[in-house]
Amino acid sequence: MIRLNKAGLAMVIAPVALVAAWSADAQLASSTKGPIGISADHTEFQANQCHSRWSGAAEAVQDDARLRANSIDTYSKIKSGGQPGAGGAVCGSPERYEADGDVYYVTRTEVVRGDHAVFSVDDKTILVTGQVVVARGKDVMAGTRLLIHTDTREADMESGVTGAGKAGRVQAVLFPSNAQGGGGGLQPPRPPPPRPHGA
């Protein structure tokens, strides 16, 4: 496990903007409060469960930031007095967001790649799992589990592999600003091109 403090977090903090992606003050991009455009091949909403699913190359875009996955699920809290499963649910504030399959979060300076991502609103955490790769400029980090605490801005990158010399441990290749050369065997994630949104 690698624990990152504020100084070491710059290259992996990018996914934190996913935190409020569909809330009232949605901010997928950190420097704007503009509208979020969402597109997918299919969408469905289960009102009695306060759950919506966007599937088929689902993508949410705000300014220069985008979240892309095979599917994006949003879950809201069921307000007191609501009756889940009986058609009487009253949906409240967001509870969690889940992105599945070929997950990418991309900004002007960072790219995060994983297989699954979950943001828990109450816990103030975002968890990216699977084959996780983070790139910022030439710097690249890889593992299988990235947990970000959005209130303290600390993060843990883990792998299920331990022991010196074993393949699959947490890896990072970090370059000084004037360094040249490749990524030491780690390849930065290459996200798919943006989908057109709107008319």
N, C-alpha and C. Protein backbone atom coordinates (compact mmCIF):
# COMPACT_ATOMS: atom_id res chain seq x y z
N MET A 1 0.85 -1.19 0.00
CA MET A 1 0.00 0.00 0.00
C MET A 1 0.88 1.24 0.00
N ILE A 2 0.52 2.22 -0.81
CA ILE A 2 1.18 3.51 -0.79
C ILE A 2 0.20 4.54 -0.26
N ARG A 3 0.60 5.28 0.74
CA ARG A 3 -0.25 6.34 1.28
C ARG A 3 0.31 7.67 0.81
N LEU A 4 -0.56 8.50 0.29
CA LEU A 4 -0.13 9.78 -0.26
C LEU A 4 -0.63 10.90 0.62
N ASN A 5 0.26 11.83 0.98
CA ASN A 5 -0.17 13.02 1.69
C ASN A 5 -0.48 14.11 0.68
N LYS A 6 -0.74 15.33 1.16
CA LYS A 6 -1.12 16.41 0.25
C LYS A 6 -0.07 16.64 -0.82
N ALA A 7 1.20 16.56 -0.45
CA ALA A 7 2.25 16.82 -1.43
C ALA A 7 2.31 15.76 -2.51
N GLY A 8 2.02 14.51 -2.14
CA GLY A 8 2.12 13.43 -3.11
C GLY A 8 0.82 13.11 -3.82
N LEU A 9 -0.21 13.89 -3.55
CA LEU A 9 -1.53 13.56 -4.07
C LEU A 9 -1.86 14.22 -5.39
N ALA A 10 -1.05 15.15 -5.83
CA ALA A 10 -1.41 15.96 -7.00
C ALA A 10 -1.78 15.12 -8.21
N MET A 11 -1.07 14.02 -8.44
CA MET A 11 -1.33 13.26 -9.66
C MET A 11 -2.51 12.31 -9.55
N VAL A 12 -3.06 12.07 -8.34
CA VAL A 12 -4.17 11.13 -8.23
C VAL A 12 -5.44 11.76 -7.68
N ILE A 13 -5.44 13.08 -7.45
CA ILE A 13 -6.62 13.69 -6.87
C ILE A 13 -7.67 14.02 -7.93
N ALA A 14 -7.35 13.87 -9.19
CA ALA A 14 -8.28 14.23 -10.26
C ALA A 14 -9.67 13.65 -10.11
N PRO A 15 -9.84 12.38 -9.69
CA PRO A 15 -11.19 11.84 -9.66
C PRO A 15 -12.10 12.49 -8.63
N VAL A 16 -11.55 13.29 -7.73
CA VAL A 16 -12.39 13.88 -6.70
C VAL A 16 -13.49 14.75 -7.31
N ALA A 17 -13.25 15.32 -8.49
CA ALA A 17 -14.27 16.15 -9.11
C ALA A 17 -15.51 15.35 -9.47
N LEU A 18 -15.39 14.04 -9.52
CA LEU A 18 -16.55 13.19 -9.79
C LEU A 18 -17.55 13.24 -8.65
N VAL A 19 -17.10 13.70 -7.50
CA VAL A 19 -17.88 13.68 -6.27
C VAL A 19 -19.28 14.24 -6.44
N ALA A 20 -19.41 15.41 -7.03
CA ALA A 20 -20.72 16.06 -7.08
C ALA A 20 -21.31 16.05 -8.47
N ALA A 21 -20.99 15.04 -9.24
CA ALA A 21 -21.28 15.08 -10.66
C ALA A 21 -22.73 15.35 -11.02
N TRP A 22 -23.69 14.85 -10.22
CA TRP A 22 -25.08 15.11 -10.58
C TRP A 22 -25.87 15.74 -9.44
N SER A 23 -25.19 16.37 -8.50
CA SER A 23 -25.89 17.01 -7.40
C SER A 23 -26.28 18.43 -7.81
N ALA A 24 -26.91 19.16 -6.90
CA ALA A 24 -27.40 20.49 -7.23
C ALA A 24 -26.29 21.42 -7.67
N ASP A 25 -25.12 21.33 -7.04
CA ASP A 25 -23.98 22.15 -7.42
C ASP A 25 -22.97 21.29 -8.14
N ALA A 26 -23.42 20.60 -9.17
CA ALA A 26 -22.59 19.63 -9.87
C ALA A 26 -21.31 20.26 -10.39
N GLN A 27 -20.19 19.62 -10.09
CA GLN A 27 -18.91 20.08 -10.59
C GLN A 27 -18.06 18.90 -11.01
N LEU A 28 -18.19 18.54 -12.27
CA LEU A 28 -17.32 17.53 -12.85
C LEU A 28 -15.96 18.15 -13.14
N ALA A 29 -15.99 19.43 -13.53
CA ALA A 29 -14.77 20.21 -13.72
C ALA A 29 -14.58 21.10 -12.51
N SER A 30 -13.34 21.29 -12.08
CA SER A 30 -13.08 21.98 -10.81
C SER A 30 -13.22 23.49 -10.90
N SER A 31 -13.17 24.06 -12.10
CA SER A 31 -13.13 25.52 -12.21
C SER A 31 -14.39 26.12 -12.81
N THR A 32 -15.48 25.37 -12.85
CA THR A 32 -16.70 25.88 -13.45
C THR A 32 -17.93 25.32 -12.75
N LYS A 33 -19.02 26.04 -12.85
CA LYS A 33 -20.30 25.52 -12.38
C LYS A 33 -21.28 25.45 -13.54
N GLY A 34 -20.75 25.32 -14.74
CA GLY A 34 -21.57 25.21 -15.93
C GLY A 34 -22.34 23.91 -15.95
N PRO A 35 -23.25 23.78 -16.92
CA PRO A 35 -24.08 22.57 -17.00
C PRO A 35 -23.28 21.33 -17.37
N ILE A 36 -23.78 20.18 -16.95
CA ILE A 36 -23.19 18.90 -17.30
C ILE A 36 -24.03 18.28 -18.40
N GLY A 37 -23.38 17.91 -19.49
CA GLY A 37 -24.07 17.18 -20.55
C GLY A 37 -23.83 15.70 -20.38
N ILE A 38 -24.90 14.90 -20.40
CA ILE A 38 -24.77 13.45 -20.26
C ILE A 38 -25.33 12.78 -21.50
N SER A 39 -24.60 11.81 -22.02
CA SER A 39 -25.10 11.07 -23.17
C SER A 39 -24.80 9.59 -22.99
N ALA A 40 -25.61 8.76 -23.62
CA ALA A 40 -25.44 7.31 -23.60
C ALA A 40 -26.31 6.75 -24.71
N ASP A 41 -26.12 5.48 -25.00
CA ASP A 41 -26.97 4.84 -25.99
C ASP A 41 -28.36 4.56 -25.44
N HIS A 42 -28.45 4.45 -24.10
CA HIS A 42 -29.74 4.11 -23.48
C HIS A 42 -29.76 4.65 -22.05
N THR A 43 -30.92 5.10 -21.60
CA THR A 43 -31.06 5.51 -20.21
C THR A 43 -32.40 5.03 -19.66
N GLU A 44 -32.41 4.69 -18.39
CA GLU A 44 -33.64 4.27 -17.74
C GLU A 44 -33.65 4.77 -16.31
N PHE A 45 -34.84 5.03 -15.78
CA PHE A 45 -34.99 5.54 -14.42
C PHE A 45 -36.00 4.69 -13.68
N GLN A 46 -35.60 4.19 -12.52
CA GLN A 46 -36.50 3.41 -11.67
C GLN A 46 -36.93 4.31 -10.51
N ALA A 47 -38.08 4.96 -10.70
CA ALA A 47 -38.52 5.96 -9.74
C ALA A 47 -38.74 5.38 -8.35
N ASN A 48 -39.23 4.14 -8.28
CA ASN A 48 -39.51 3.56 -6.96
C ASN A 48 -38.24 3.15 -6.22
N GLN A 49 -37.09 3.15 -6.91
CA GLN A 49 -35.82 2.84 -6.26
C GLN A 49 -34.88 4.05 -6.25
N CYS A 50 -35.32 5.18 -6.82
CA CYS A 50 -34.47 6.38 -6.90
C CYS A 50 -33.13 6.06 -7.56
N HIS A 51 -33.19 5.36 -8.67
CA HIS A 51 -32.01 4.87 -9.36
C HIS A 51 -32.15 5.15 -10.85
N SER A 52 -31.08 5.67 -11.45
CA SER A 52 -31.07 5.84 -12.91
C SER A 52 -29.80 5.20 -13.47
N ARG A 53 -29.91 4.68 -14.68
CA ARG A 53 -28.76 4.06 -15.34
C ARG A 53 -28.60 4.63 -16.74
N TRP A 54 -27.38 5.03 -17.04
CA TRP A 54 -26.99 5.48 -18.37
C TRP A 54 -26.05 4.41 -18.91
N SER A 55 -26.39 3.78 -20.03
CA SER A 55 -25.57 2.66 -20.51
C SER A 55 -25.25 2.79 -21.99
N GLY A 56 -24.15 2.18 -22.38
CA GLY A 56 -23.69 2.23 -23.76
C GLY A 56 -22.81 3.44 -23.99
N ALA A 57 -21.50 3.31 -23.75
CA ALA A 57 -20.54 4.42 -23.89
C ALA A 57 -21.08 5.67 -23.19
N ALA A 58 -21.46 5.52 -21.94
CA ALA A 58 -22.01 6.64 -21.17
C ALA A 58 -20.92 7.67 -20.90
N GLU A 59 -21.30 8.93 -20.98
CA GLU A 59 -20.32 9.99 -20.79
C GLU A 59 -20.98 11.22 -20.21
N ALA A 60 -20.33 11.79 -19.20
CA ALA A 60 -20.76 13.06 -18.60
C ALA A 60 -19.65 14.07 -18.84
N VAL A 61 -20.02 15.25 -19.34
CA VAL A 61 -19.04 16.26 -19.72
C VAL A 61 -19.40 17.59 -19.08
N GLN A 62 -18.40 18.24 -18.49
CA GLN A 62 -18.55 19.61 -18.00
C GLN A 62 -17.27 20.35 -18.30
N ASP A 63 -17.41 21.42 -19.08
CA ASP A 63 -16.25 22.21 -19.49
C ASP A 63 -15.21 21.28 -20.12
N ASP A 64 -14.00 21.20 -19.58
CA ASP A 64 -12.96 20.36 -20.18
C ASP A 64 -12.78 19.04 -19.44
N ALA A 65 -13.71 18.68 -18.55
CA ALA A 65 -13.62 17.43 -17.80
C ALA A 65 -14.70 16.47 -18.27
N ARG A 66 -14.35 15.17 -18.30
CA ARG A 66 -15.36 14.18 -18.70
C ARG A 66 -15.16 12.87 -17.96
N LEU A 67 -16.27 12.21 -17.70
CA LEU A 67 -16.30 10.88 -17.10
C LEU A 67 -16.90 9.95 -18.13
N ARG A 68 -16.19 8.88 -18.46
CA ARG A 68 -16.63 7.95 -19.50
C ARG A 68 -16.60 6.54 -18.94
N ALA A 69 -17.64 5.74 -19.21
CA ALA A 69 -17.70 4.35 -18.76
C ALA A 69 -18.72 3.62 -19.62
N ASN A 70 -18.71 2.30 -19.55
CA ASN A 70 -19.75 1.55 -20.25
C ASN A 70 -21.12 1.88 -19.70
N SER A 71 -21.20 2.10 -18.37
CA SER A 71 -22.46 2.52 -17.76
C SER A 71 -22.17 3.37 -16.53
N ILE A 72 -23.10 4.29 -16.26
CA ILE A 72 -23.02 5.16 -15.08
C ILE A 72 -24.36 5.06 -14.37
N ASP A 73 -24.34 4.65 -13.09
CA ASP A 73 -25.55 4.54 -12.28
C ASP A 73 -25.55 5.63 -11.22
N THR A 74 -26.70 6.23 -10.99
CA THR A 74 -26.86 7.21 -9.93
C THR A 74 -27.92 6.72 -8.95
N TYR A 75 -27.64 6.86 -7.66
CA TYR A 75 -28.55 6.43 -6.60
C TYR A 75 -28.81 7.60 -5.67
N SER A 76 -30.07 7.88 -5.41
CA SER A 76 -30.44 8.93 -4.47
C SER A 76 -31.08 8.31 -3.23
N LYS A 77 -31.03 9.05 -2.13
CA LYS A 77 -31.65 8.58 -0.90
C LYS A 77 -33.17 8.62 -1.02
N ILE A 78 -33.84 7.65 -0.39
CA ILE A 78 -35.29 7.63 -0.34
C ILE A 78 -35.72 8.39 0.91
N LYS A 79 -36.48 9.46 0.71
CA LYS A 79 -36.87 10.31 1.83
C LYS A 79 -37.81 9.58 2.77
N SER A 80 -37.83 10.05 4.00
CA SER A 80 -38.71 9.48 5.02
C SER A 80 -40.15 9.50 4.54
N GLY A 81 -40.83 8.36 4.69
CA GLY A 81 -42.21 8.26 4.25
C GLY A 81 -42.35 7.67 2.87
N GLY A 82 -41.23 7.62 2.11
CA GLY A 82 -41.28 7.01 0.79
C GLY A 82 -41.40 5.50 0.91
N GLN A 83 -41.97 4.88 -0.06
CA GLN A 83 -42.19 3.43 -0.05
C GLN A 83 -41.47 2.77 -1.22
N PRO A 84 -40.19 2.37 -1.04
CA PRO A 84 -39.49 1.70 -2.14
C PRO A 84 -40.22 0.44 -2.56
N GLY A 85 -40.30 0.26 -3.85
CA GLY A 85 -40.93 -0.95 -4.37
C GLY A 85 -42.43 -0.84 -4.50
N ALA A 86 -43.03 0.22 -3.96
CA ALA A 86 -44.47 0.36 -4.02
C ALA A 86 -44.89 1.54 -4.90
N GLY A 87 -43.94 2.13 -5.60
CA GLY A 87 -44.24 3.24 -6.48
C GLY A 87 -44.42 4.55 -5.75
N GLY A 88 -44.16 4.56 -4.43
CA GLY A 88 -44.38 5.78 -3.67
C GLY A 88 -43.12 6.42 -3.16
N ALA A 89 -41.95 6.04 -3.67
CA ALA A 89 -40.70 6.57 -3.17
C ALA A 89 -40.56 8.04 -3.53
N VAL A 90 -40.02 8.80 -2.58
CA VAL A 90 -39.69 10.20 -2.82
C VAL A 90 -38.18 10.32 -2.76
N CYS A 91 -37.58 10.71 -3.86
CA CYS A 91 -36.11 10.73 -3.95
C CYS A 91 -35.54 12.01 -3.34
N GLY A 92 -34.48 11.83 -2.56
CA GLY A 92 -33.81 12.95 -1.91
C GLY A 92 -32.46 13.23 -2.53
N SER A 93 -31.50 13.54 -1.68
CA SER A 93 -30.17 13.93 -2.15
C SER A 93 -29.39 12.71 -2.65
N PRO A 94 -28.36 12.93 -3.46
CA PRO A 94 -27.57 11.82 -3.98
C PRO A 94 -26.90 11.03 -2.86
N GLU A 95 -26.84 9.71 -3.03
CA GLU A 95 -26.21 8.82 -2.06
C GLU A 95 -24.90 8.27 -2.59
N ARG A 96 -24.92 7.78 -3.84
CA ARG A 96 -23.68 7.30 -4.43
C ARG A 96 -23.81 7.28 -5.95
N TYR A 97 -22.64 7.27 -6.59
CA TYR A 97 -22.55 7.17 -8.04
C TYR A 97 -21.62 6.01 -8.36
N GLU A 98 -21.98 5.22 -9.37
CA GLU A 98 -21.16 4.08 -9.76
C GLU A 98 -20.92 4.11 -11.27
N ALA A 99 -19.67 3.96 -11.65
CA ALA A 99 -19.30 3.87 -13.07
C ALA A 99 -18.68 2.50 -13.29
N ASP A 100 -19.10 1.80 -14.34
CA ASP A 100 -18.64 0.44 -14.59
C ASP A 100 -18.12 0.26 -16.00
N GLY A 101 -17.01 -0.48 -16.11
CA GLY A 101 -16.49 -0.91 -17.40
C GLY A 101 -15.76 0.19 -18.14
N ASP A 102 -14.47 0.01 -18.39
CA ASP A 102 -13.66 0.99 -19.12
C ASP A 102 -13.88 2.40 -18.58
N VAL A 103 -13.69 2.57 -17.28
CA VAL A 103 -13.91 3.85 -16.63
C VAL A 103 -12.73 4.79 -16.89
N TYR A 104 -13.04 5.99 -17.36
CA TYR A 104 -12.03 7.03 -17.55
C TYR A 104 -12.55 8.32 -16.94
N TYR A 105 -11.66 9.02 -16.23
CA TYR A 105 -11.95 10.38 -15.82
C TYR A 105 -10.82 11.22 -16.39
N VAL A 106 -11.18 12.22 -17.18
CA VAL A 106 -10.18 12.98 -17.95
C VAL A 106 -10.37 14.47 -17.73
N THR A 107 -9.28 15.16 -17.41
CA THR A 107 -9.26 16.62 -17.37
C THR A 107 -8.15 17.09 -18.30
N ARG A 108 -7.90 18.39 -18.29
CA ARG A 108 -6.84 18.93 -19.15
C ARG A 108 -5.47 18.38 -18.76
N THR A 109 -5.29 18.01 -17.49
CA THR A 109 -3.96 17.60 -17.03
C THR A 109 -3.87 16.18 -16.50
N GLU A 110 -5.01 15.51 -16.20
CA GLU A 110 -4.97 14.16 -15.62
C GLU A 110 -5.84 13.19 -16.39
N VAL A 111 -5.42 11.93 -16.34
CA VAL A 111 -6.23 10.82 -16.85
C VAL A 111 -6.20 9.71 -15.81
N VAL A 112 -7.38 9.23 -15.42
CA VAL A 112 -7.50 8.10 -14.49
C VAL A 112 -8.26 7.00 -15.22
N ARG A 113 -7.73 5.79 -15.14
CA ARG A 113 -8.37 4.64 -15.79
C ARG A 113 -8.59 3.56 -14.74
N GLY A 114 -9.78 2.93 -14.76
CA GLY A 114 -10.09 1.82 -13.87
C GLY A 114 -11.21 0.99 -14.46
N ASP A 115 -11.59 -0.06 -13.76
CA ASP A 115 -12.69 -0.91 -14.22
C ASP A 115 -14.01 -0.55 -13.54
N HIS A 116 -13.92 0.04 -12.35
CA HIS A 116 -15.12 0.36 -11.58
C HIS A 116 -14.81 1.53 -10.66
N ALA A 117 -15.76 2.44 -10.49
CA ALA A 117 -15.57 3.56 -9.57
C ALA A 117 -16.86 3.79 -8.79
N VAL A 118 -16.72 4.03 -7.49
CA VAL A 118 -17.86 4.31 -6.62
C VAL A 118 -17.55 5.54 -5.79
N PHE A 119 -18.45 6.53 -5.83
CA PHE A 119 -18.35 7.66 -4.92
C PHE A 119 -19.43 7.54 -3.88
N SER A 120 -19.03 7.49 -2.61
CA SER A 120 -19.97 7.44 -1.50
C SER A 120 -20.07 8.83 -0.90
N VAL A 121 -21.25 9.44 -1.01
CA VAL A 121 -21.43 10.81 -0.55
C VAL A 121 -21.24 10.92 0.95
N ASP A 122 -21.89 10.04 1.74
CA ASP A 122 -21.81 10.14 3.19
C ASP A 122 -20.41 9.84 3.73
N ASP A 123 -19.74 8.86 3.13
CA ASP A 123 -18.39 8.51 3.57
C ASP A 123 -17.33 9.48 3.07
N LYS A 124 -17.70 10.31 2.10
CA LYS A 124 -16.76 11.26 1.48
C LYS A 124 -15.55 10.54 0.91
N THR A 125 -15.81 9.44 0.21
CA THR A 125 -14.73 8.69 -0.42
C THR A 125 -15.09 8.37 -1.86
N ILE A 126 -14.06 8.21 -2.67
CA ILE A 126 -14.23 7.68 -4.01
C ILE A 126 -13.25 6.52 -4.16
N LEU A 127 -13.76 5.40 -4.63
CA LEU A 127 -12.97 4.18 -4.75
C LEU A 127 -12.93 3.76 -6.21
N VAL A 128 -11.73 3.65 -6.75
CA VAL A 128 -11.53 3.17 -8.12
C VAL A 128 -10.81 1.83 -8.02
N THR A 129 -11.37 0.80 -8.67
CA THR A 129 -10.81 -0.54 -8.57
C THR A 129 -10.60 -1.16 -9.94
N GLY A 130 -9.93 -2.31 -9.94
CA GLY A 130 -9.59 -3.01 -11.18
C GLY A 130 -8.15 -2.74 -11.54
N GLN A 131 -7.87 -2.62 -12.81
CA GLN A 131 -6.54 -2.24 -13.26
C GLN A 131 -6.49 -0.72 -13.29
N VAL A 132 -6.05 -0.13 -12.18
CA VAL A 132 -6.09 1.32 -12.01
C VAL A 132 -4.77 1.94 -12.47
N VAL A 133 -4.87 2.91 -13.36
CA VAL A 133 -3.70 3.64 -13.83
C VAL A 133 -4.04 5.13 -13.79
N VAL A 134 -3.11 5.92 -13.24
CA VAL A 134 -3.28 7.36 -13.15
C VAL A 134 -2.10 8.02 -13.83
N ALA A 135 -2.37 9.03 -14.66
CA ALA A 135 -1.29 9.74 -15.34
C ALA A 135 -1.51 11.23 -15.21
N ARG A 136 -0.42 11.93 -14.94
CA ARG A 136 -0.42 13.40 -14.94
C ARG A 136 0.87 13.82 -15.61
N GLY A 137 0.75 14.33 -16.82
CA GLY A 137 1.94 14.59 -17.61
C GLY A 137 2.64 13.28 -17.91
N LYS A 138 3.95 13.22 -17.65
CA LYS A 138 4.71 11.99 -17.87
C LYS A 138 4.65 11.04 -16.68
N ASP A 139 4.18 11.52 -15.52
CA ASP A 139 4.11 10.69 -14.32
C ASP A 139 2.98 9.67 -14.43
N VAL A 140 3.27 8.43 -14.04
CA VAL A 140 2.28 7.35 -14.13
C VAL A 140 2.33 6.54 -12.84
N MET A 141 1.14 6.15 -12.33
CA MET A 141 1.05 5.28 -11.16
C MET A 141 0.04 4.19 -11.45
N ALA A 142 0.29 2.97 -10.98
CA ALA A 142 -0.61 1.85 -11.23
C ALA A 142 -0.78 1.01 -9.98
N GLY A 143 -1.98 0.44 -9.84
CA GLY A 143 -2.33 -0.45 -8.73
C GLY A 143 -3.66 -1.09 -9.04
N THR A 144 -4.30 -1.64 -8.03
CA THR A 144 -5.61 -2.27 -8.25
C THR A 144 -6.72 -1.63 -7.42
N ARG A 145 -6.37 -0.70 -6.52
CA ARG A 145 -7.38 -0.08 -5.67
C ARG A 145 -6.91 1.30 -5.25
N LEU A 146 -7.64 2.32 -5.65
CA LEU A 146 -7.31 3.69 -5.30
C LEU A 146 -8.46 4.26 -4.49
N LEU A 147 -8.20 4.60 -3.23
CA LEU A 147 -9.21 5.17 -2.35
C LEU A 147 -8.83 6.60 -2.02
N ILE A 148 -9.73 7.54 -2.33
CA ILE A 148 -9.48 8.94 -2.07
C ILE A 148 -10.47 9.42 -1.01
N HIS A 149 -9.95 10.06 0.04
CA HIS A 149 -10.77 10.68 1.07
C HIS A 149 -10.94 12.15 0.68
N THR A 150 -12.13 12.51 0.25
CA THR A 150 -12.31 13.83 -0.33
C THR A 150 -12.26 14.96 0.68
N ASP A 151 -12.50 14.67 1.97
CA ASP A 151 -12.45 15.75 2.95
C ASP A 151 -11.03 16.05 3.40
N THR A 152 -10.20 15.02 3.58
CA THR A 152 -8.82 15.22 4.03
C THR A 152 -7.83 15.32 2.88
N ARG A 153 -8.27 14.94 1.67
CA ARG A 153 -7.42 14.94 0.48
C ARG A 153 -6.23 13.98 0.62
N GLU A 154 -6.44 12.89 1.34
CA GLU A 154 -5.46 11.82 1.40
C GLU A 154 -5.94 10.68 0.52
N ALA A 155 -4.99 9.89 0.01
CA ALA A 155 -5.36 8.79 -0.86
C ALA A 155 -4.46 7.59 -0.59
N ASP A 156 -5.03 6.40 -0.80
CA ASP A 156 -4.27 5.16 -0.69
C ASP A 156 -4.35 4.43 -2.03
N MET A 157 -3.19 4.02 -2.55
CA MET A 157 -3.15 3.17 -3.74
C MET A 157 -2.65 1.82 -3.28
N GLU A 158 -3.37 0.75 -3.61
CA GLU A 158 -3.02 -0.59 -3.16
C GLU A 158 -2.98 -1.57 -4.32
N SER A 159 -2.40 -2.73 -4.02
CA SER A 159 -2.41 -3.88 -4.92
C SER A 159 -2.51 -5.12 -4.04
N GLY A 160 -3.06 -6.18 -4.56
CA GLY A 160 -3.15 -7.42 -3.80
C GLY A 160 -1.83 -8.18 -3.73
N VAL A 161 -0.81 -7.66 -4.38
CA VAL A 161 0.48 -8.36 -4.44
C VAL A 161 1.45 -7.70 -3.46
N THR A 162 2.14 -8.52 -2.66
CA THR A 162 3.15 -8.01 -1.74
C THR A 162 4.44 -8.80 -1.93
N GLY A 163 5.53 -8.21 -1.49
CA GLY A 163 6.82 -8.89 -1.56
C GLY A 163 7.72 -8.32 -2.63
N ALA A 164 8.96 -8.04 -2.25
CA ALA A 164 9.92 -7.43 -3.17
C ALA A 164 10.12 -8.29 -4.41
N GLY A 165 10.17 -7.64 -5.56
CA GLY A 165 10.44 -8.33 -6.81
C GLY A 165 9.25 -9.00 -7.46
N LYS A 166 8.08 -8.96 -6.82
CA LYS A 166 6.90 -9.62 -7.39
C LYS A 166 6.16 -8.68 -8.34
N ALA A 167 5.74 -9.23 -9.46
CA ALA A 167 4.99 -8.44 -10.43
C ALA A 167 3.60 -8.12 -9.89
N GLY A 168 3.10 -6.94 -10.22
CA GLY A 168 1.75 -6.57 -9.83
C GLY A 168 1.67 -5.70 -8.60
N ARG A 169 2.82 -5.40 -7.97
CA ARG A 169 2.78 -4.48 -6.83
C ARG A 169 2.48 -3.07 -7.31
N VAL A 170 2.14 -2.18 -6.38
CA VAL A 170 1.92 -0.78 -6.73
C VAL A 170 3.19 -0.23 -7.36
N GLN A 171 3.03 0.46 -8.48
CA GLN A 171 4.18 1.01 -9.19
C GLN A 171 3.94 2.49 -9.48
N ALA A 172 5.03 3.24 -9.57
CA ALA A 172 4.96 4.63 -9.98
C ALA A 172 6.23 4.98 -10.72
N VAL A 173 6.10 5.77 -11.74
CA VAL A 173 7.24 6.35 -12.44
C VAL A 173 7.02 7.85 -12.42
N LEU A 174 7.88 8.58 -11.70
CA LEU A 174 7.74 10.02 -11.51
C LEU A 174 8.96 10.72 -12.08
N PHE A 175 8.74 11.73 -12.88
CA PHE A 175 9.81 12.43 -13.56
C PHE A 175 10.05 13.81 -12.98
N PRO A 176 11.32 14.17 -12.75
CA PRO A 176 11.61 15.59 -12.47
C PRO A 176 11.18 16.42 -13.67
N SER A 177 10.98 17.71 -13.46
CA SER A 177 10.44 18.56 -14.53
C SER A 177 11.30 18.58 -15.78
N ASN A 178 12.62 18.35 -15.63
CA ASN A 178 13.50 18.41 -16.81
C ASN A 178 13.89 17.03 -17.33
N ALA A 179 13.25 15.96 -16.81
CA ALA A 179 13.63 14.61 -17.20
C ALA A 179 13.10 14.27 -18.58
N GLN A 180 13.85 13.40 -19.28
CA GLN A 180 13.46 12.91 -20.59
C GLN A 180 13.29 11.40 -20.50
N GLY A 181 12.63 10.82 -21.49
CA GLY A 181 12.56 9.36 -21.56
C GLY A 181 11.16 8.84 -21.38
N GLY A 182 11.05 7.51 -21.41
CA GLY A 182 9.75 6.84 -21.36
C GLY A 182 9.28 6.62 -19.95
N GLY A 183 8.23 5.81 -19.83
CA GLY A 183 7.56 5.61 -18.55
C GLY A 183 8.05 4.44 -17.74
N GLY A 184 9.22 3.90 -18.01
CA GLY A 184 9.75 2.82 -17.21
C GLY A 184 8.88 1.58 -17.22
N GLY A 185 8.18 1.33 -18.32
CA GLY A 185 7.34 0.15 -18.44
C GLY A 185 5.87 0.40 -18.15
N LEU A 186 5.54 1.51 -17.50
CA LEU A 186 4.14 1.86 -17.26
C LEU A 186 3.62 2.73 -18.40
N GLN A 187 2.51 2.35 -18.96
CA GLN A 187 1.92 3.12 -20.05
C GLN A 187 0.75 3.94 -19.52
N PRO A 188 0.71 5.25 -19.83
CA PRO A 188 -0.43 6.05 -19.38
C PRO A 188 -1.71 5.62 -20.07
N PRO A 189 -2.86 5.76 -19.41
CA PRO A 189 -4.13 5.38 -20.03
C PRO A 189 -4.45 6.29 -21.20
N ARG A 190 -5.06 5.73 -22.23
CA ARG A 190 -5.45 6.50 -23.40
C ARG A 190 -6.98 6.43 -23.54
N PRO A 191 -7.66 7.50 -23.11
CA PRO A 191 -9.12 7.47 -23.13
C PRO A 191 -9.68 7.53 -24.54
N PRO A 192 -10.89 7.02 -24.75
CA PRO A 192 -11.53 7.14 -26.06
C PRO A 192 -11.86 8.60 -26.33
N PRO A 193 -12.02 8.98 -27.60
CA PRO A 193 -12.35 10.37 -27.90
C PRO A 193 -13.73 10.74 -27.37
N PRO A 194 -13.93 12.02 -27.11
CA PRO A 194 -15.25 12.46 -26.60
C PRO A 194 -16.37 12.15 -27.59
N ARG A 195 -17.56 11.90 -27.04
CA ARG A 195 -18.75 11.74 -27.87
C ARG A 195 -19.38 13.11 -28.06
N PRO A 196 -20.01 13.36 -29.21
CA PRO A 196 -20.69 14.65 -29.38
C PRO A 196 -21.88 14.77 -28.44
N HIS A 197 -22.05 15.93 -27.85
CA HIS A 197 -23.17 16.20 -26.95
C HIS A 197 -23.99 17.34 -27.51
N GLY A 198 -25.26 17.28 -27.34
CA GLY A 198 -26.14 18.36 -27.76
C GLY A 198 -26.35 18.39 -29.25
N ALA A 199 -26.97 19.44 -29.71
CA ALA A 199 -27.30 19.57 -31.13
C ALA A 199 -26.11 20.05 -31.92
